[in-house]
PDB file of N, CA and C in Angstrom:
ATOM      1  N   MET A   1     -35.192  -1.938   3.784  1.00  0.00           N
ATOM      2  CA  MET A   1     -34.398  -0.987   4.521  1.00  0.00           C
ATOM      3  C   MET A   1     -33.625  -0.117   3.525  1.00  0.00           C
ATOM      4  N   ASN A   2     -33.659   1.180   3.733  1.00  0.00           N
ATOM      5  CA  ASN A   2     -32.978   2.129   2.857  1.00  0.00           C
ATOM      6  C   ASN A   2     -31.639   2.515   3.486  1.00  0.00           C
ATOM      7  N   LYS A   3     -30.531   2.134   2.834  1.00  0.00           N
ATOM      8  CA  LYS A   3     -29.198   2.453   3.348  1.00  0.00           C
ATOM      9  C   LYS A   3     -28.583   3.555   2.502  1.00  0.00           C
ATOM     10  N   LYS A   4     -27.969   4.513   3.163  1.00  0.00           N
ATOM     11  CA  LYS A   4     -27.203   5.521   2.451  1.00  0.00           C
ATOM     12  C   LYS A   4     -25.745   5.111   2.508  1.00  0.00           C
ATOM     13  N   LEU A   5     -25.112   5.105   1.358  1.00  0.00           N
ATOM     14  CA  LEU A   5     -23.718   4.690   1.271  1.00  0.00           C
ATOM     15  C   LEU A   5     -22.826   5.870   0.919  1.00  0.00           C
ATOM     16  N   ILE A   6     -21.616   5.811   1.376  1.00  0.00           N
ATOM     17  CA  ILE A   6     -20.618   6.787   0.951  1.00  0.00           C
ATOM     18  C   ILE A   6     -20.210   6.413  -0.464  1.00  0.00           C
ATOM     19  N   GLN A   7     -20.319   7.349  -1.387  1.00  0.00           N
ATOM     20  CA  GLN A   7     -19.986   7.072  -2.773  1.00  0.00           C
ATOM     21  C   GLN A   7     -18.588   7.564  -3.153  1.00  0.00           C
ATOM     22  N   LYS A   8     -18.093   8.594  -2.447  1.00  0.00           N
ATOM     23  CA  LYS A   8     -16.800   9.148  -2.817  1.00  0.00           C
ATOM     24  C   LYS A   8     -16.096   9.688  -1.579  1.00  0.00           C
ATOM     25  N   ILE A   9     -14.786   9.404  -1.483  1.00  0.00           N
ATOM     26  CA  ILE A   9     -13.939   9.954  -0.428  1.00  0.00           C
ATOM     27  C   ILE A   9     -12.751  10.605  -1.118  1.00  0.00           C
ATOM     28  N   ILE A  10     -12.470  11.865  -0.757  1.00  0.00           N
ATOM     29  CA  ILE A  10     -11.332  12.583  -1.324  1.00  0.00           C
ATOM     30  C   ILE A  10     -10.357  12.885  -0.197  1.00  0.00           C
ATOM     31  N   ILE A  11      -9.100  12.472  -0.385  1.00  0.00           N
ATOM     32  CA  ILE A  11      -8.047  12.695   0.605  1.00  0.00           C
ATOM     33  C   ILE A  11      -6.960  13.528  -0.058  1.00  0.00           C
ATOM     34  N   GLU A  12      -6.597  14.638   0.572  1.00  0.00           N
ATOM     35  CA  GLU A  12      -5.511  15.481   0.070  1.00  0.00           C
ATOM     36  C   GLU A  12      -4.469  15.603   1.159  1.00  0.00           C
ATOM     37  N   TYR A  13      -3.193  15.469   0.773  1.00  0.00           N
ATOM     38  CA  TYR A  13      -2.131  15.631   1.751  1.00  0.00           C
ATOM     39  C   TYR A  13      -0.871  16.147   1.072  1.00  0.00           C
ATOM     40  N   GLY A  14       0.023  16.672   1.879  1.00  0.00           N
ATOM     41  CA  GLY A  14       1.250  17.263   1.358  1.00  0.00           C
ATOM     42  C   GLY A  14       1.084  18.763   1.269  1.00  0.00           C
ATOM     43  N   GLY A  15       1.780  19.343   0.317  1.00  0.00           N
ATOM     44  CA  GLY A  15       1.682  20.777   0.113  1.00  0.00           C
ATOM     45  C   GLY A  15       2.950  21.490   0.528  1.00  0.00           C
ATOM     46  N   PHE A  16       2.847  22.775   0.625  1.00  0.00           N
ATOM     47  CA  PHE A  16       3.937  23.681   0.946  1.00  0.00           C
ATOM     48  C   PHE A  16       5.025  23.538  -0.110  1.00  0.00           C
ATOM     49  N   PHE A  17       6.222  23.074   0.204  1.00  0.00           N
ATOM     50  CA  PHE A  17       7.301  23.014  -0.784  1.00  0.00           C
ATOM     51  C   PHE A  17       7.376  21.678  -1.521  1.00  0.00           C
ATOM     52  N   GLY A  18       6.813  20.626  -0.973  1.00  0.00           N
ATOM     53  CA  GLY A  18       6.990  19.297  -1.541  1.00  0.00           C
ATOM     54  C   GLY A  18       5.917  18.851  -2.502  1.00  0.00           C
ATOM     55  N   GLY A  19       5.002  19.693  -2.867  1.00  0.00           N
ATOM     56  CA  GLY A  19       3.903  19.273  -3.725  1.00  0.00           C
ATOM     57  C   GLY A  19       2.784  18.665  -2.893  1.00  0.00           C
ATOM     58  N   ALA A  20       1.727  18.300  -3.551  1.00  0.00           N
ATOM     59  CA  ALA A  20       0.571  17.734  -2.856  1.00  0.00           C
ATOM     60  C   ALA A  20       0.012  16.589  -3.683  1.00  0.00           C
ATOM     61  N   GLU A  21      -0.706  15.708  -3.015  1.00  0.00           N
ATOM     62  CA  GLU A  21      -1.326  14.575  -3.691  1.00  0.00           C
ATOM     63  C   GLU A  21      -2.778  14.491  -3.272  1.00  0.00           C
ATOM     64  N   ARG A  22      -3.622  14.155  -4.237  1.00  0.00           N
ATOM     65  CA  ARG A  22      -5.044  13.942  -3.965  1.00  0.00           C
ATOM     66  C   ARG A  22      -5.380  12.528  -4.416  1.00  0.00           C
ATOM     67  N   ARG A  23      -6.030  11.793  -3.534  1.00  0.00           N
ATOM     68  CA  ARG A  23      -6.529  10.465  -3.889  1.00  0.00           C
ATOM     69  C   ARG A  23      -8.037  10.471  -3.719  1.00  0.00           C
ATOM     70  N   THR A  24      -8.723   9.996  -4.735  1.00  0.00           N
ATOM     71  CA  THR A  24     -10.177   9.936  -4.719  1.00  0.00           C
ATOM     72  C   THR A  24     -10.585   8.471  -4.780  1.00  0.00           C
ATOM     73  N   LEU A  25     -11.342   8.021  -3.791  1.00  0.00           N
ATOM     74  CA  LEU A  25     -11.866   6.662  -3.768  1.00  0.00           C
ATOM     75  C   LEU A  25     -13.339   6.734  -4.130  1.00  0.00           C
ATOM     76  N   ILE A  26     -13.730   5.976  -5.155  1.00  0.00           N
ATOM     77  CA  ILE A  26     -15.095   6.017  -5.664  1.00  0.00           C
ATOM     78  C   ILE A  26     -15.711   4.622  -5.531  1.00  0.00           C
ATOM     79  N   HIS A  27     -16.842   4.552  -4.844  1.00  0.00           N
ATOM     80  CA  HIS A  27     -17.560   3.292  -4.665  1.00  0.00           C
ATOM     81  C   HIS A  27     -18.622   3.194  -5.749  1.00  0.00           C
ATOM     82  N   ASP A  28     -18.561   2.126  -6.544  1.00  0.00           N
ATOM     83  CA  ASP A  28     -19.508   1.925  -7.639  1.00  0.00           C
ATOM     84  C   ASP A  28     -19.989   0.479  -7.594  1.00  0.00           C
ATOM     85  N   GLY A  29     -21.120   0.261  -6.964  1.00  0.00           N
ATOM     86  CA  GLY A  29     -21.635  -1.102  -6.836  1.00  0.00           C
ATOM     87  C   GLY A  29     -20.744  -1.913  -5.910  1.00  0.00           C
ATOM     88  N   GLU A  30     -20.146  -2.968  -6.444  1.00  0.00           N
ATOM     89  CA  GLU A  30     -19.246  -3.808  -5.655  1.00  0.00           C
ATOM     90  C   GLU A  30     -17.783  -3.419  -5.859  1.00  0.00           C
ATOM     91  N   ASP A  31     -17.510  -2.414  -6.667  1.00  0.00           N
ATOM     92  CA  ASP A  31     -16.140  -2.019  -6.987  1.00  0.00           C
ATOM     93  C   ASP A  31     -15.762  -0.714  -6.303  1.00  0.00           C
ATOM     94  N   ILE A  32     -14.468  -0.572  -6.025  1.00  0.00           N
ATOM     95  CA  ILE A  32     -13.920   0.681  -5.513  1.00  0.00           C
ATOM     96  C   ILE A  32     -12.778   1.076  -6.437  1.00  0.00           C
ATOM     97  N   PHE A  33     -12.845   2.288  -6.974  1.00  0.00           N
ATOM     98  CA  PHE A  33     -11.825   2.803  -7.871  1.00  0.00           C
ATOM     99  C   PHE A  33     -11.015   3.867  -7.144  1.00  0.00           C
ATOM    100  N   VAL A  34      -9.716   3.937  -7.441  1.00  0.00           N
ATOM    101  CA  VAL A  34      -8.839   4.927  -6.824  1.00  0.00           C
ATOM    102  C   VAL A  34      -8.225   5.776  -7.930  1.00  0.00           C
ATOM    103  N   GLU A  35      -8.404   7.092  -7.815  1.00  0.00           N
ATOM    104  CA  GLU A  35      -7.772   8.032  -8.741  1.00  0.00           C
ATOM    105  C   GLU A  35      -6.693   8.765  -7.957  1.00  0.00           C
ATOM    106  N   ARG A  36      -5.541   8.998  -8.587  1.00  0.00           N
ATOM    107  CA  ARG A  36      -4.427   9.662  -7.911  1.00  0.00           C
ATOM    108  C   ARG A  36      -3.969  10.839  -8.756  1.00  0.00           C
ATOM    109  N   GLU A  37      -3.851  12.015  -8.128  1.00  0.00           N
ATOM    110  CA  GLU A  37      -3.364  13.220  -8.797  1.00  0.00           C
ATOM    111  C   GLU A  37      -2.233  13.791  -7.966  1.00  0.00           C
ATOM    112  N   PHE A  38      -1.181  14.276  -8.631  1.00  0.00           N
ATOM    113  CA  PHE A  38      -0.059  14.893  -7.941  1.00  0.00           C
ATOM    114  C   PHE A  38       0.141  16.291  -8.456  1.00  0.00           C
ATOM    115  N   TYR A  39       0.386  17.229  -7.551  1.00  0.00           N
ATOM    116  CA  TYR A  39       0.639  18.614  -7.922  1.00  0.00           C
ATOM    117  C   TYR A  39       1.950  19.031  -7.288  1.00  0.00           C
ATOM    118  N   ASN A  40       2.896  19.475  -8.114  1.00  0.00           N
ATOM    119  CA  ASN A  40       4.221  19.818  -7.594  1.00  0.00           C
ATOM    120  C   ASN A  40       4.385  21.299  -7.272  1.00  0.00           C
ATOM    121  N   GLY A  41       3.342  22.089  -7.439  1.00  0.00           N
ATOM    122  CA  GLY A  41       3.401  23.496  -7.084  1.00  0.00           C
ATOM    123  C   GLY A  41       3.936  24.414  -8.155  1.00  0.00           C
ATOM    124  N   LEU A  42       4.362  23.870  -9.275  1.00  0.00           N
ATOM    125  CA  LEU A  42       4.879  24.684 -10.364  1.00  0.00           C
ATOM    126  C   LEU A  42       3.756  25.068 -11.319  1.00  0.00           C
ATOM    127  N   PRO A  43       3.783  26.278 -11.872  1.00  0.00           N
ATOM    128  CA  PRO A  43       2.740  26.661 -12.838  1.00  0.00           C
ATOM    129  C   PRO A  43       2.851  25.843 -14.112  1.00  0.00           C
ATOM    130  N   ASP A  44       1.730  25.634 -14.764  1.00  0.00           N
ATOM    131  CA  ASP A  44       1.702  24.882 -16.029  1.00  0.00           C
ATOM    132  C   ASP A  44       2.406  25.636 -17.136  1.00  0.00           C
TER     133      ASP A  44
END
């Protein structure tokens, strides 16, 4: 049986004046990794 799996989920929330956060969940075999990025809206 050939199963298609979700390999990556990206969730973004926040924004406007309070900044925003992005969380990326990555499925790799039996492991799930979570990456977290925060953006405060200010230029670099």
